[in-house]
Structures are given as C-alpha cells and as structure tokens.
C-alpha cells in the first residue's frame, strides 16, 4: 500500500464524491465487512472477526446517524 502525504485525499466532502457519498459508502462497507467477519469466524480467526464486527457496527452507526439527521 502506498504511503499518503496528507489526509486530504481521504477526507473528501459529499460534494466531491462521485460514488454516492459517505453514507452510501459506509453502507457498502458494512455489507462487505459482514461477509469478511463471517469468513473470519468460519476459520476461527476470532480477533479478526471481532475487529471486523466493530468496523461493521461503526459503519452502521454512521449510516443511522445520517438517516436520522436527513443527510443521506
């Protein structure tokens, strides 16, 4: 993975996103991470499964906050 000089390329605003914005990205990430967590559990990679579960919870919470604030 290439090193980044700044976080500006990571922290884009909704207006510059061309992929549906942060809430849609978080929703897609939640789905993918859930599959990875399931795969981790199947292979008894418990710590990895736990961390992936936490990532899914964070993504879901982000989407929930956007929905309740009307920013989706």
N, C-alpha and C. Protein backbone atom coordinates (compact mmCIF):
# COMPACT_ATOMS: atom_id res chain seq x y z
N UNK A 1 0.84 -1.17 0.00
CA UNK A 1 0.00 0.00 0.00
C UNK A 1 0.89 1.23 0.00
N UNK A 2 0.57 2.19 -0.81
CA UNK A 2 1.36 3.40 -0.95
C UNK A 2 1.11 4.33 0.23
N UNK A 3 2.15 5.00 0.66
CA UNK A 3 2.03 5.98 1.73
C UNK A 3 1.35 7.23 1.19
N UNK A 4 0.61 7.89 2.05
CA UNK A 4 -0.08 9.12 1.66
C UNK A 4 0.63 10.31 2.28
N UNK A 5 0.77 11.39 1.52
CA UNK A 5 1.42 12.60 2.01
C UNK A 5 0.51 13.37 2.95
N UNK A 6 -0.79 13.31 2.72
CA UNK A 6 -1.73 14.03 3.57
C UNK A 6 -3.05 13.27 3.63
N UNK A 7 -3.89 13.67 4.56
CA UNK A 7 -5.20 13.03 4.67
C UNK A 7 -6.23 13.73 3.80
N UNK A 8 -5.86 14.75 3.08
CA UNK A 8 -6.80 15.49 2.25
C UNK A 8 -7.42 14.61 1.18
N UNK A 9 -6.66 13.66 0.66
CA UNK A 9 -7.21 12.78 -0.38
C UNK A 9 -8.18 11.77 0.19
N UNK A 10 -8.13 11.53 1.50
CA UNK A 10 -9.02 10.58 2.15
C UNK A 10 -10.30 11.26 2.62
N UNK A 11 -10.18 12.49 3.11
CA UNK A 11 -11.31 13.19 3.71
C UNK A 11 -12.00 14.10 2.70
N UNK A 12 -12.71 13.53 1.79
CA UNK A 12 -13.42 14.30 0.76
C UNK A 12 -14.82 14.66 1.28
N UNK A 13 -15.33 15.77 0.80
CA UNK A 13 -16.67 16.19 1.18
C UNK A 13 -17.69 15.51 0.28
N UNK A 14 -18.96 15.55 0.69
CA UNK A 14 -20.04 14.96 -0.10
C UNK A 14 -20.06 15.50 -1.51
N UNK A 15 -19.79 16.80 -1.66
CA UNK A 15 -19.90 17.42 -2.98
C UNK A 15 -18.84 16.92 -3.96
N UNK A 16 -17.69 16.47 -3.45
CA UNK A 16 -16.65 15.99 -4.35
C UNK A 16 -16.74 14.48 -4.61
N UNK A 17 -17.58 13.79 -3.86
CA UNK A 17 -17.70 12.33 -4.04
C UNK A 17 -18.51 12.03 -5.30
N UNK A 18 -18.03 11.09 -6.06
CA UNK A 18 -18.71 10.69 -7.29
C UNK A 18 -19.35 9.32 -7.16
N UNK A 19 -19.31 8.74 -5.96
CA UNK A 19 -19.78 7.38 -5.76
C UNK A 19 -20.99 7.28 -4.84
N UNK A 20 -21.75 8.33 -4.69
CA UNK A 20 -22.93 8.29 -3.85
C UNK A 20 -22.74 8.89 -2.48
N UNK A 21 -21.56 9.28 -2.15
CA UNK A 21 -21.31 9.95 -0.89
C UNK A 21 -20.94 9.01 0.24
N UNK A 22 -20.59 9.60 1.39
CA UNK A 22 -20.09 8.82 2.52
C UNK A 22 -21.10 7.83 3.09
N UNK A 23 -22.38 8.19 3.15
CA UNK A 23 -23.37 7.28 3.72
C UNK A 23 -23.54 6.03 2.86
N UNK A 24 -23.56 6.21 1.56
CA UNK A 24 -23.67 5.06 0.67
C UNK A 24 -22.40 4.21 0.75
N UNK A 25 -21.26 4.85 0.86
CA UNK A 25 -20.00 4.11 1.01
C UNK A 25 -20.00 3.32 2.31
N UNK A 26 -20.45 3.94 3.41
CA UNK A 26 -20.50 3.25 4.70
C UNK A 26 -21.44 2.05 4.65
N UNK A 27 -22.54 2.19 3.94
CA UNK A 27 -23.49 1.08 3.80
C UNK A 27 -22.86 -0.08 3.03
N UNK A 28 -22.16 0.23 1.96
CA UNK A 28 -21.48 -0.81 1.18
C UNK A 28 -20.36 -1.46 1.99
N UNK A 29 -19.62 -0.66 2.74
CA UNK A 29 -18.55 -1.19 3.58
C UNK A 29 -19.13 -2.13 4.62
N UNK A 30 -20.25 -1.76 5.22
CA UNK A 30 -20.90 -2.60 6.21
C UNK A 30 -21.21 -3.98 5.66
N UNK A 31 -21.73 -4.03 4.45
CA UNK A 31 -22.07 -5.31 3.83
C UNK A 31 -20.83 -6.16 3.57
N UNK A 32 -19.79 -5.55 3.05
CA UNK A 32 -18.57 -6.29 2.73
C UNK A 32 -17.88 -6.78 4.01
N UNK A 33 -17.83 -5.91 5.01
CA UNK A 33 -17.17 -6.27 6.26
C UNK A 33 -17.94 -7.40 6.96
N UNK A 34 -19.25 -7.42 6.86
CA UNK A 34 -20.04 -8.50 7.45
C UNK A 34 -19.65 -9.85 6.83
N UNK A 35 -19.45 -9.86 5.52
CA UNK A 35 -19.03 -11.10 4.85
C UNK A 35 -17.63 -11.51 5.30
N UNK A 36 -16.74 -10.55 5.43
CA UNK A 36 -15.38 -10.86 5.88
C UNK A 36 -15.37 -11.37 7.32
N UNK A 37 -16.22 -10.79 8.17
CA UNK A 37 -16.31 -11.25 9.55
C UNK A 37 -16.81 -12.69 9.60
N UNK A 38 -17.79 -13.00 8.78
CA UNK A 38 -18.31 -14.37 8.72
C UNK A 38 -17.21 -15.34 8.27
N UNK A 39 -16.45 -14.96 7.27
CA UNK A 39 -15.34 -15.79 6.80
C UNK A 39 -14.30 -15.97 7.90
N UNK A 40 -14.02 -14.91 8.63
CA UNK A 40 -13.06 -14.99 9.74
C UNK A 40 -13.54 -15.95 10.82
N UNK A 41 -14.82 -15.86 11.17
CA UNK A 41 -15.36 -16.77 12.18
C UNK A 41 -15.30 -18.22 11.71
N UNK A 42 -15.60 -18.46 10.45
CA UNK A 42 -15.57 -19.81 9.89
C UNK A 42 -14.18 -20.43 10.04
N UNK A 43 -13.15 -19.61 9.94
CA UNK A 43 -11.78 -20.10 10.03
C UNK A 43 -11.16 -19.85 11.41
N UNK A 44 -12.03 -19.54 12.36
CA UNK A 44 -11.62 -19.36 13.77
C UNK A 44 -10.56 -18.27 13.95
N UNK A 45 -10.69 -17.23 13.18
CA UNK A 45 -9.83 -16.06 13.33
C UNK A 45 -10.58 -15.06 14.21
N UNK A 46 -10.64 -15.40 15.49
CA UNK A 46 -11.53 -14.70 16.42
C UNK A 46 -11.25 -13.21 16.56
N UNK A 47 -9.98 -12.84 16.72
CA UNK A 47 -9.67 -11.42 16.89
C UNK A 47 -10.01 -10.64 15.62
N UNK A 48 -9.70 -11.21 14.48
CA UNK A 48 -10.02 -10.55 13.22
C UNK A 48 -11.53 -10.41 13.05
N UNK A 49 -12.27 -11.45 13.40
CA UNK A 49 -13.73 -11.39 13.32
C UNK A 49 -14.28 -10.29 14.23
N UNK A 50 -13.72 -10.20 15.43
CA UNK A 50 -14.15 -9.18 16.38
C UNK A 50 -13.91 -7.77 15.82
N UNK A 51 -12.72 -7.55 15.27
CA UNK A 51 -12.39 -6.23 14.72
C UNK A 51 -13.28 -5.90 13.53
N UNK A 52 -13.55 -6.88 12.71
CA UNK A 52 -14.44 -6.65 11.57
C UNK A 52 -15.86 -6.36 12.03
N UNK A 53 -16.31 -7.04 13.08
CA UNK A 53 -17.62 -6.75 13.66
C UNK A 53 -17.69 -5.31 14.16
N UNK A 54 -16.61 -4.83 14.78
CA UNK A 54 -16.57 -3.45 15.26
C UNK A 54 -16.61 -2.48 14.08
N UNK A 55 -15.93 -2.81 13.01
CA UNK A 55 -15.96 -1.95 11.81
C UNK A 55 -17.37 -1.90 11.23
N UNK A 56 -18.06 -3.04 11.24
CA UNK A 56 -19.43 -3.06 10.74
C UNK A 56 -20.34 -2.21 11.62
N UNK A 57 -20.19 -2.33 12.91
CA UNK A 57 -21.00 -1.51 13.83
C UNK A 57 -20.77 -0.03 13.59
N UNK A 58 -19.53 0.35 13.39
CA UNK A 58 -19.20 1.76 13.14
C UNK A 58 -19.83 2.25 11.84
N UNK A 59 -19.74 1.44 10.79
CA UNK A 59 -20.34 1.82 9.51
C UNK A 59 -21.86 1.93 9.63
N UNK A 60 -22.47 0.97 10.32
CA UNK A 60 -23.92 1.01 10.51
C UNK A 60 -24.36 2.23 11.31
N UNK A 61 -23.58 2.57 12.34
CA UNK A 61 -23.89 3.74 13.15
C UNK A 61 -23.77 5.03 12.33
N UNK A 62 -22.79 5.10 11.46
CA UNK A 62 -22.63 6.27 10.60
C UNK A 62 -23.86 6.43 9.71
N UNK A 63 -24.31 5.34 9.11
CA UNK A 63 -25.49 5.38 8.24
C UNK A 63 -26.72 5.77 9.05
N UNK A 64 -26.86 5.19 10.25
CA UNK A 64 -28.02 5.51 11.10
C UNK A 64 -28.05 6.99 11.46
N UNK A 65 -26.89 7.54 11.81
CA UNK A 65 -26.85 8.98 12.14
C UNK A 65 -27.22 9.84 10.94
N UNK A 66 -26.77 9.45 9.76
CA UNK A 66 -27.11 10.20 8.54
C UNK A 66 -28.61 10.12 8.26
N UNK A 67 -29.19 8.94 8.43
CA UNK A 67 -30.63 8.77 8.18
C UNK A 67 -31.47 9.59 9.14
N UNK A 68 -31.10 9.58 10.42
CA UNK A 68 -31.90 10.31 11.41
C UNK A 68 -31.72 11.82 11.29
N UNK A 69 -30.59 12.26 10.72
CA UNK A 69 -30.38 13.69 10.56
C UNK A 69 -30.86 14.18 9.18
N UNK A 70 -31.26 13.26 8.33
CA UNK A 70 -31.75 13.63 7.00
C UNK A 70 -30.67 13.96 6.01
N UNK A 71 -29.43 13.54 6.28
CA UNK A 71 -28.30 13.88 5.41
C UNK A 71 -27.99 12.79 4.39
N UNK A 72 -28.75 11.73 4.32
CA UNK A 72 -28.45 10.63 3.40
C UNK A 72 -28.66 11.11 2.02
